[in-house]
C-alpha cells in the first residue's frame, strides 16, 4: 500500500531531474562515465543513470554501480 503512494511521487521527481531521496537537482551531482553509461551520484549517496539520448534519469541497478 505504501509503495502505491510513493512510486508516483518518485517518478515525478525523476521526471523533473531531482533526487528521490533529498529532492536535490541531479544536474549538480557528481557525474562519471562507467561502462559507457553516465552515472550521477547525489549528495545523499543515491546513484542514478542518465540517458543522454532521452535526457532522463533512472535509479541505478546493483550491477551497474
C-alpha atoms as a PDB file:
ATOM      1  CA  UNK A   1       0.000   0.000   0.000  1.00  0.00           C
ATOM      2  CA  UNK A   2       2.804   2.447   0.875  1.00  0.00           C
ATOM      3  CA  UNK A   3       4.550   1.617  -2.411  1.00  0.00           C
ATOM      4  CA  UNK A   4       1.422   2.681  -4.303  1.00  0.00           C
ATOM      5  CA  UNK A   5       1.715   6.117  -2.703  1.00  0.00           C
ATOM      6  CA  UNK A   6       5.468   6.593  -3.004  1.00  0.00           C
ATOM      7  CA  UNK A   7       6.215   5.362  -6.539  1.00  0.00           C
ATOM      8  CA  UNK A   8       4.201   8.090  -8.368  1.00  0.00           C
ATOM      9  CA  UNK A   9       5.973  10.764  -6.323  1.00  0.00           C
ATOM     10  CA  UNK A  10       9.379   9.243  -7.095  1.00  0.00           C
ATOM     11  CA  UNK A  11       8.528   9.033 -10.811  1.00  0.00           C
ATOM     12  CA  UNK A  12       7.507  12.692 -10.794  1.00  0.00           C
ATOM     13  CA  UNK A  13      10.751  13.719  -9.046  1.00  0.00           C
ATOM     14  CA  UNK A  14      12.856  11.784 -11.574  1.00  0.00           C
ATOM     15  CA  UNK A  15      10.946  13.366 -14.471  1.00  0.00           C
ATOM     16  CA  UNK A  16      11.855  16.761 -13.007  1.00  0.00           C
ATOM     17  CA  UNK A  17      15.539  15.720 -12.739  1.00  0.00           C
ATOM     18  CA  UNK A  18      15.537  15.605  -8.943  1.00  0.00           C
ATOM     19  CA  UNK A  19      16.751  13.024  -6.441  1.00  0.00           C
ATOM     20  CA  UNK A  20      14.052  10.773  -4.985  1.00  0.00           C
ATOM     21  CA  UNK A  21      15.669  10.896  -1.529  1.00  0.00           C
ATOM     22  CA  UNK A  22      16.566  14.511  -0.857  1.00  0.00           C
ATOM     23  CA  UNK A  23      14.987  16.393  -3.775  1.00  0.00           C
ATOM     24  CA  UNK A  24      18.267  17.976  -4.922  1.00  0.00           C
ATOM     25  CA  UNK A  25      18.797  18.721  -8.605  1.00  0.00           C
ATOM     26  CA  UNK A  26      20.689  15.853 -10.226  1.00  0.00           C
ATOM     27  CA  UNK A  27      22.451  18.135 -12.707  1.00  0.00           C
ATOM     28  CA  UNK A  28      24.585  19.325  -9.755  1.00  0.00           C
ATOM     29  CA  UNK A  29      25.589  15.761  -8.820  1.00  0.00           C
ATOM     30  CA  UNK A  30      28.951  14.104  -9.442  1.00  0.00           C
ATOM     31  CA  UNK A  31      28.958  12.597 -12.943  1.00  0.00           C
ATOM     32  CA  UNK A  32      31.160   9.680 -14.053  1.00  0.00           C
ATOM     33  CA  UNK A  33      31.258   7.512 -17.159  1.00  0.00           C
ATOM     34  CA  UNK A  34      31.074   3.867 -16.116  1.00  0.00           C
ATOM     35  CA  UNK A  35      30.941   1.125 -18.756  1.00  0.00           C
ATOM     36  CA  UNK A  36      29.623   3.525 -21.389  1.00  0.00           C
ATOM     37  CA  UNK A  37      26.875   4.942 -19.175  1.00  0.00           C
ATOM     38  CA  UNK A  38      26.779   8.233 -17.320  1.00  0.00           C
ATOM     39  CA  UNK A  39      26.262   7.731 -13.591  1.00  0.00           C
ATOM     40  CA  UNK A  40      25.264  10.593 -11.341  1.00  0.00           C
ATOM     41  CA  UNK A  41      25.862  10.436  -7.591  1.00  0.00           C
ATOM     42  CA  UNK A  42      23.671  12.690  -5.470  1.00  0.00           C
ATOM     43  CA  UNK A  43      24.904  14.356  -2.309  1.00  0.00           C
ATOM     44  CA  UNK A  44      22.762  11.946  -0.260  1.00  0.00           C
ATOM     45  CA  UNK A  45      24.529   8.919  -1.772  1.00  0.00           C
ATOM     46  CA  UNK A  46      21.936   7.616  -4.221  1.00  0.00           C
ATOM     47  CA  UNK A  47      23.222   6.737  -7.680  1.00  0.00           C
ATOM     48  CA  UNK A  48      21.322   7.379 -10.901  1.00  0.00           C
ATOM     49  CA  UNK A  49      21.884   6.619 -14.598  1.00  0.00           C
ATOM     50  CA  UNK A  50      21.472   9.483 -17.079  1.00  0.00           C
ATOM     51  CA  UNK A  51      20.353   8.611 -20.605  1.00  0.00           C
ATOM     52  CA  UNK A  52      21.786  11.305 -22.881  1.00  0.00           C
ATOM     53  CA  UNK A  53      19.610  10.384 -25.868  1.00  0.00           C
ATOM     54  CA  UNK A  54      16.307  10.569 -23.951  1.00  0.00           C
ATOM     55  CA  UNK A  55      17.556  13.133 -21.405  1.00  0.00           C
ATOM     56  CA  UNK A  56      16.052  11.250 -18.462  1.00  0.00           C
ATOM     57  CA  UNK A  57      17.336   9.874 -15.138  1.00  0.00           C
ATOM     58  CA  UNK A  58      16.626   6.500 -13.568  1.00  0.00           C
ATOM     59  CA  UNK A  59      17.811   4.685 -10.466  1.00  0.00           C
ATOM     60  CA  UNK A  60      20.917   2.560 -10.973  1.00  0.00           C
ATOM     61  CA  UNK A  61      20.737  -1.191 -10.534  1.00  0.00           C
ATOM     62  CA  UNK A  62      23.200  -3.035  -8.284  1.00  0.00           C
ATOM     63  CA  UNK A  63      25.178  -4.462 -11.203  1.00  0.00           C
ATOM     64  CA  UNK A  64      25.531  -1.002 -12.823  1.00  0.00           C
ATOM     65  CA  UNK A  65      27.311   0.570  -9.870  1.00  0.00           C
END
